Amino acid sequence: MFFRKMTEKEHASNEKAANLTFTFYLIALIIHAVYSFIVNSILGPSFYILITGLVIFYISEVWYRKRN
């Protein structure tokens, strides 16, 4: 199956949607991690998913910045 190359407009809207989705998941995980910590007094899986996602984000950002 062949895919056509995205136009600049499609690329820009795709990047905005990805940023909005990342922000939503970030906020949702922060809220759930804080709630879980307050109620259960432990750091649940949502906290570790949040930290892992942020580490991957920052490492990939540095990686792509060095590549370009």
PDB file of N, CA and C in Angstrom:
ATOM      1  N   MET A   1       0.839  -1.170   0.000  1.00  0.00           N
ATOM      2  CA  MET A   1       0.000   0.000   0.000  1.00  0.00           C
ATOM      3  C   MET A   1       0.888   1.239   0.000  1.00  0.00           C
ATOM      4  N   PHE A   2       0.563   2.171  -0.841  1.00  0.00           N
ATOM      5  CA  PHE A   2       1.363   3.385  -0.960  1.00  0.00           C
ATOM      6  C   PHE A   2       0.613   4.565  -0.345  1.00  0.00           C
ATOM      7  N   PHE A   3       1.365   5.403   0.330  1.00  0.00           N
ATOM      8  CA  PHE A   3       0.781   6.593   0.946  1.00  0.00           C
ATOM      9  C   PHE A   3       1.359   7.818   0.262  1.00  0.00           C
ATOM     10  N   ARG A   4       0.513   8.821   0.111  1.00  0.00           N
ATOM     11  CA  ARG A   4       1.013  10.049  -0.486  1.00  0.00           C
ATOM     12  C   ARG A   4       1.680  10.891   0.585  1.00  0.00           C
ATOM     13  N   LYS A   5       2.538  11.776   0.170  1.00  0.00           N
ATOM     14  CA  LYS A   5       3.226  12.667   1.103  1.00  0.00           C
ATOM     15  C   LYS A   5       2.249  13.713   1.616  1.00  0.00           C
ATOM     16  N   MET A   6       2.344  14.016   2.922  1.00  0.00           N
ATOM     17  CA  MET A   6       1.445  15.001   3.512  1.00  0.00           C
ATOM     18  C   MET A   6       1.813  16.400   3.040  1.00  0.00           C
ATOM     19  N   THR A   7       0.786  17.221   2.871  1.00  0.00           N
ATOM     20  CA  THR A   7       1.032  18.615   2.535  1.00  0.00           C
ATOM     21  C   THR A   7       1.444  19.354   3.809  1.00  0.00           C
ATOM     22  N   GLU A   8       1.926  20.571   3.656  1.00  0.00           N
ATOM     23  CA  GLU A   8       2.338  21.382   4.808  1.00  0.00           C
ATOM     24  C   GLU A   8       1.159  21.650   5.731  1.00  0.00           C
ATOM     25  N   LYS A   9      -0.007  21.895   5.152  1.00  0.00           N
ATOM     26  CA  LYS A   9      -1.206  22.157   5.955  1.00  0.00           C
ATOM     27  C   LYS A   9      -1.594  20.920   6.756  1.00  0.00           C
ATOM     28  N   GLU A  10      -1.565  19.758   6.128  1.00  0.00           N
ATOM     29  CA  GLU A  10      -1.872  18.522   6.829  1.00  0.00           C
ATOM     30  C   GLU A  10      -0.845  18.235   7.923  1.00  0.00           C
ATOM     31  N   HIS A  11       0.411  18.480   7.624  1.00  0.00           N
ATOM     32  CA  HIS A  11       1.473  18.266   8.609  1.00  0.00           C
ATOM     33  C   HIS A  11       1.291  19.187   9.817  1.00  0.00           C
ATOM     34  N   ALA A  12       0.958  20.442   9.573  1.00  0.00           N
ATOM     35  CA  ALA A  12       0.766  21.405  10.664  1.00  0.00           C
ATOM     36  C   ALA A  12      -0.432  21.017  11.527  1.00  0.00           C
ATOM     37  N   SER A  13      -1.544  20.629  10.895  1.00  0.00           N
ATOM     38  CA  SER A  13      -2.720  20.249  11.673  1.00  0.00           C
ATOM     39  C   SER A  13      -2.490  18.944  12.428  1.00  0.00           C
ATOM     40  N   ASN A  14      -1.737  18.042  11.848  1.00  0.00           N
ATOM     41  CA  ASN A  14      -1.401  16.787  12.514  1.00  0.00           C
ATOM     42  C   ASN A  14      -0.527  17.045  13.741  1.00  0.00           C
ATOM     43  N   GLU A  15       0.417  17.962  13.625  1.00  0.00           N
ATOM     44  CA  GLU A  15       1.296  18.304  14.746  1.00  0.00           C
ATOM     45  C   GLU A  15       0.506  18.978  15.870  1.00  0.00           C
ATOM     46  N   LYS A  16      -0.431  19.863  15.519  1.00  0.00           N
ATOM     47  CA  LYS A  16      -1.271  20.513  16.530  1.00  0.00           C
ATOM     48  C   LYS A  16      -2.136  19.492  17.257  1.00  0.00           C
ATOM     49  N   ALA A  17      -2.700  18.553  16.525  1.00  0.00           N
ATOM     50  CA  ALA A  17      -3.533  17.516  17.137  1.00  0.00           C
ATOM     51  C   ALA A  17      -2.712  16.636  18.073  1.00  0.00           C
ATOM     52  N   ALA A  18      -1.492  16.290  17.666  1.00  0.00           N
ATOM     53  CA  ALA A  18      -0.621  15.475  18.511  1.00  0.00           C
ATOM     54  C   ALA A  18      -0.250  16.227  19.790  1.00  0.00           C
ATOM     55  N   ASN A  19       0.030  17.513  19.681  1.00  0.00           N
ATOM     56  CA  ASN A  19       0.359  18.314  20.866  1.00  0.00           C
ATOM     57  C   ASN A  19      -0.832  18.419  21.811  1.00  0.00           C
ATOM     58  N   LEU A  20      -2.019  18.602  21.273  1.00  0.00           N
ATOM     59  CA  LEU A  20      -3.218  18.681  22.094  1.00  0.00           C
ATOM     60  C   LEU A  20      -3.479  17.350  22.805  1.00  0.00           C
ATOM     61  N   THR A  21      -3.301  16.245  22.096  1.00  0.00           N
ATOM     62  CA  THR A  21      -3.489  14.924  22.683  1.00  0.00           C
ATOM     63  C   THR A  21      -2.468  14.669  23.781  1.00  0.00           C
ATOM     64  N   PHE A  22      -1.211  15.023  23.531  1.00  0.00           N
ATOM     65  CA  PHE A  22      -0.156  14.868  24.538  1.00  0.00           C
ATOM     66  C   PHE A  22      -0.496  15.675  25.788  1.00  0.00           C
ATOM     67  N   THR A  23      -0.967  16.888  25.609  1.00  0.00           N
ATOM     68  CA  THR A  23      -1.326  17.739  26.742  1.00  0.00           C
ATOM     69  C   THR A  23      -2.485  17.135  27.526  1.00  0.00           C
ATOM     70  N   PHE A  24      -3.494  16.615  26.830  1.00  0.00           N
ATOM     71  CA  PHE A  24      -4.628  15.982  27.511  1.00  0.00           C
ATOM     72  C   PHE A  24      -4.169  14.802  28.357  1.00  0.00           C
ATOM     73  N   TYR A  25      -3.375  13.908  27.776  1.00  0.00           N
ATOM     74  CA  TYR A  25      -2.904  12.743  28.528  1.00  0.00           C
ATOM     75  C   TYR A  25      -2.025  13.157  29.702  1.00  0.00           C
ATOM     76  N   LEU A  26      -1.223  14.174  29.516  1.00  0.00           N
ATOM     77  CA  LEU A  26      -0.370  14.673  30.586  1.00  0.00           C
ATOM     78  C   LEU A  26      -1.219  15.167  31.758  1.00  0.00           C
ATOM     79  N   ILE A  27      -2.217  15.978  31.478  1.00  0.00           N
ATOM     80  CA  ILE A  27      -3.080  16.520  32.534  1.00  0.00           C
ATOM     81  C   ILE A  27      -3.884  15.405  33.199  1.00  0.00           C
ATOM     82  N   ALA A  28      -4.425  14.482  32.406  1.00  0.00           N
ATOM     83  CA  ALA A  28      -5.211  13.389  32.961  1.00  0.00           C
ATOM     84  C   ALA A  28      -4.358  12.508  33.879  1.00  0.00           C
ATOM     85  N   LEU A  29      -3.140  12.198  33.474  1.00  0.00           N
ATOM     86  CA  LEU A  29      -2.263  11.377  34.297  1.00  0.00           C
ATOM     87  C   LEU A  29      -1.822  12.102  35.561  1.00  0.00           C
ATOM     88  N   ILE A  30      -1.579  13.412  35.461  1.00  0.00           N
ATOM     89  CA  ILE A  30      -1.211  14.185  36.656  1.00  0.00           C
ATOM     90  C   ILE A  30      -2.359  14.171  37.653  1.00  0.00           C
ATOM     91  N   ILE A  31      -3.567  14.419  37.182  1.00  0.00           N
ATOM     92  CA  ILE A  31      -4.732  14.435  38.072  1.00  0.00           C
ATOM     93  C   ILE A  31      -4.926  13.062  38.720  1.00  0.00           C
ATOM     94  N   HIS A  32      -4.827  12.012  37.932  1.00  0.00           N
ATOM     95  CA  HIS A  32      -5.017  10.669  38.482  1.00  0.00           C
ATOM     96  C   HIS A  32      -3.898  10.297  39.447  1.00  0.00           C
ATOM     97  N   ALA A  33      -2.665  10.672  39.148  1.00  0.00           N
ATOM     98  CA  ALA A  33      -1.549  10.359  40.040  1.00  0.00           C
ATOM     99  C   ALA A  33      -1.688  11.092  41.369  1.00  0.00           C
ATOM    100  N   VAL A  34      -2.075  12.354  41.332  1.00  0.00           N
ATOM    101  CA  VAL A  34      -2.255  13.120  42.571  1.00  0.00           C
ATOM    102  C   VAL A  34      -3.422  12.552  43.375  1.00  0.00           C
ATOM    103  N   TYR A  35      -4.526  12.269  42.709  1.00  0.00           N
ATOM    104  CA  TYR A  35      -5.688  11.692  43.394  1.00  0.00           C
ATOM    105  C   TYR A  35      -5.324  10.346  44.031  1.00  0.00           C
ATOM    106  N   SER A  36      -4.633   9.503  43.275  1.00  0.00           N
ATOM    107  CA  SER A  36      -4.231   8.195  43.782  1.00  0.00           C
ATOM    108  C   SER A  36      -3.298   8.334  44.982  1.00  0.00           C
ATOM    109  N   PHE A  37      -2.402   9.307  44.923  1.00  0.00           N
ATOM    110  CA  PHE A  37      -1.478   9.517  46.037  1.00  0.00           C
ATOM    111  C   PHE A  37      -2.208  10.015  47.274  1.00  0.00           C
ATOM    112  N   ILE A  38      -3.171  10.899  47.102  1.00  0.00           N
ATOM    113  CA  ILE A  38      -3.925  11.432  48.242  1.00  0.00           C
ATOM    114  C   ILE A  38      -4.798  10.352  48.873  1.00  0.00           C
ATOM    115  N   VAL A  39      -5.485   9.576  48.047  1.00  0.00           N
ATOM    116  CA  VAL A  39      -6.416   8.569  48.558  1.00  0.00           C
ATOM    117  C   VAL A  39      -5.685   7.344  49.112  1.00  0.00           C
ATOM    118  N   ASN A  40      -4.693   6.842  48.364  1.00  0.00           N
ATOM    119  CA  ASN A  40      -4.041   5.582  48.731  1.00  0.00           C
ATOM    120  C   ASN A  40      -2.674   5.749  49.372  1.00  0.00           C
ATOM    121  N   SER A  41      -2.128   6.937  49.356  1.00  0.00           N
ATOM    122  CA  SER A  41      -0.792   7.238  49.894  1.00  0.00           C
ATOM    123  C   SER A  41       0.319   6.426  49.222  1.00  0.00           C
ATOM    124  N   ILE A  42       0.092   6.058  47.962  1.00  0.00           N
ATOM    125  CA  ILE A  42       1.133   5.396  47.184  1.00  0.00           C
ATOM    126  C   ILE A  42       1.187   6.030  45.798  1.00  0.00           C
ATOM    127  N   LEU A  43       2.318   5.882  45.151  1.00  0.00           N
ATOM    128  CA  LEU A  43       2.439   6.331  43.772  1.00  0.00           C
ATOM    129  C   LEU A  43       2.026   5.170  42.877  1.00  0.00           C
ATOM    130  N   GLY A  44       0.901   5.315  42.228  1.00  0.00           N
ATOM    131  CA  GLY A  44       0.349   4.244  41.410  1.00  0.00           C
ATOM    132  C   GLY A  44       0.962   4.186  40.021  1.00  0.00           C
ATOM    133  N   PRO A  45       0.444   3.272  39.216  1.00  0.00           N
ATOM    134  CA  PRO A  45       0.966   3.097  37.855  1.00  0.00           C
ATOM    135  C   PRO A  45       0.857   4.360  36.998  1.00  0.00           C
ATOM    136  N   SER A  46      -0.156   5.185  37.222  1.00  0.00           N
ATOM    137  CA  SER A  46      -0.314   6.392  36.404  1.00  0.00           C
ATOM    138  C   SER A  46       0.865   7.342  36.599  1.00  0.00           C
ATOM    139  N   PHE A  47       1.425   7.381  37.798  1.00  0.00           N
ATOM    140  CA  PHE A  47       2.591   8.226  38.041  1.00  0.00           C
ATOM    141  C   PHE A  47       3.790   7.728  37.237  1.00  0.00           C
ATOM    142  N   TYR A  48       3.995   6.418  37.232  1.00  0.00           N
ATOM    143  CA  TYR A  48       5.133   5.861  36.503  1.00  0.00           C
ATOM    144  C   TYR A  48       4.952   5.976  34.991  1.00  0.00           C
ATOM    145  N   ILE A  49       3.727   5.848  34.519  1.00  0.00           N
ATOM    146  CA  ILE A  49       3.447   6.064  33.101  1.00  0.00           C
ATOM    147  C   ILE A  49       3.720   7.515  32.734  1.00  0.00           C
ATOM    148  N   LEU A  50       3.308   8.438  33.595  1.00  0.00           N
ATOM    149  CA  LEU A  50       3.548   9.867  33.376  1.00  0.00           C
ATOM    150  C   LEU A  50       5.035  10.169  33.303  1.00  0.00           C
ATOM    151  N   ILE A  51       5.797   9.704  34.267  1.00  0.00           N
ATOM    152  CA  ILE A  51       7.238   9.972  34.297  1.00  0.00           C
ATOM    153  C   ILE A  51       7.934   9.331  33.100  1.00  0.00           C
ATOM    154  N   THR A  52       7.571   8.100  32.766  1.00  0.00           N
ATOM    155  CA  THR A  52       8.173   7.427  31.610  1.00  0.00           C
ATOM    156  C   THR A  52       7.874   8.179  30.319  1.00  0.00           C
ATOM    157  N   GLY A  53       6.638   8.634  30.156  1.00  0.00           N
ATOM    158  CA  GLY A  53       6.278   9.401  28.965  1.00  0.00           C
ATOM    159  C   GLY A  53       7.042  10.703  28.863  1.00  0.00           C
ATOM    160  N   LEU A  54       7.219  11.391  29.990  1.00  0.00           N
ATOM    161  CA  LEU A  54       7.971  12.648  29.971  1.00  0.00           C
ATOM    162  C   LEU A  54       9.448  12.413  29.665  1.00  0.00           C
ATOM    163  N   VAL A  55      10.015  11.345  30.215  1.00  0.00           N
ATOM    164  CA  VAL A  55      11.418  11.021  29.925  1.00  0.00           C
ATOM    165  C   VAL A  55      11.595  10.712  28.443  1.00  0.00           C
ATOM    166  N   ILE A  56      10.692   9.912  27.886  1.00  0.00           N
ATOM    167  CA  ILE A  56      10.764   9.589  26.454  1.00  0.00           C
ATOM    168  C   ILE A  56      10.609  10.851  25.618  1.00  0.00           C
ATOM    169  N   PHE A  57       9.701  11.741  26.019  1.00  0.00           N
ATOM    170  CA  PHE A  57       9.498  12.986  25.284  1.00  0.00           C
ATOM    171  C   PHE A  57      10.767  13.826  25.258  1.00  0.00           C
ATOM    172  N   TYR A  58      11.383  14.031  26.419  1.00  0.00           N
ATOM    173  CA  TYR A  58      12.567  14.886  26.476  1.00  0.00           C
ATOM    174  C   TYR A  58      13.780  14.250  25.800  1.00  0.00           C
ATOM    175  N   ILE A  59      13.938  12.948  25.924  1.00  0.00           N
ATOM    176  CA  ILE A  59      15.044  12.276  25.237  1.00  0.00           C
ATOM    177  C   ILE A  59      14.868  12.368  23.728  1.00  0.00           C
ATOM    178  N   SER A  60      13.641  12.133  23.235  1.00  0.00           N
ATOM    179  CA  SER A  60      13.413  12.219  21.792  1.00  0.00           C
ATOM    180  C   SER A  60      13.566  13.648  21.294  1.00  0.00           C
ATOM    181  N   GLU A  61      13.187  14.632  22.110  1.00  0.00           N
ATOM    182  CA  GLU A  61      13.359  16.025  21.710  1.00  0.00           C
ATOM    183  C   GLU A  61      14.837  16.368  21.551  1.00  0.00           C
ATOM    184  N   VAL A  62      15.653  15.940  22.488  1.00  0.00           N
ATOM    185  CA  VAL A  62      17.100  16.174  22.394  1.00  0.00           C
ATOM    186  C   VAL A  62      17.668  15.423  21.203  1.00  0.00           C
ATOM    187  N   TRP A  63      17.230  14.192  21.000  1.00  0.00           N
ATOM    188  CA  TRP A  63      17.717  13.372  19.887  1.00  0.00           C
ATOM    189  C   TRP A  63      17.420  14.041  18.543  1.00  0.00           C
ATOM    190  N   TYR A  64      16.171  14.483  18.340  1.00  0.00           N
ATOM    191  CA  TYR A  64      15.797  15.094  17.071  1.00  0.00           C
ATOM    192  C   TYR A  64      16.450  16.470  16.882  1.00  0.00           C
ATOM    193  N   ARG A  65      16.665  17.181  17.960  1.00  0.00           N
ATOM    194  CA  ARG A  65      17.327  18.469  17.852  1.00  0.00           C
ATOM    195  C   ARG A  65      18.779  18.292  17.421  1.00  0.00           C
ATOM    196  N   LYS A  66      19.439  17.268  17.925  1.00  0.00           N
ATOM    197  CA  LYS A  66      20.828  17.005  17.533  1.00  0.00           C
ATOM    198  C   LYS A  66      20.918  16.505  16.114  1.00  0.00           C
ATOM    199  N   ARG A  67      19.909  15.770  15.663  1.00  0.00           N
ATOM    200  CA  ARG A  67      19.902  15.233  14.293  1.00  0.00           C
ATOM    201  C   ARG A  67      19.748  16.334  13.263  1.00  0.00           C
ATOM    202  N   ASN A  68      18.978  17.357  13.594  1.00  0.00           N
ATOM    203  CA  ASN A  68      18.724  18.431  12.626  1.00  0.00           C
ATOM    204  C   ASN A  68      19.691  19.508  12.847  1.00  0.00           C
TER     205      ASN A  68
END
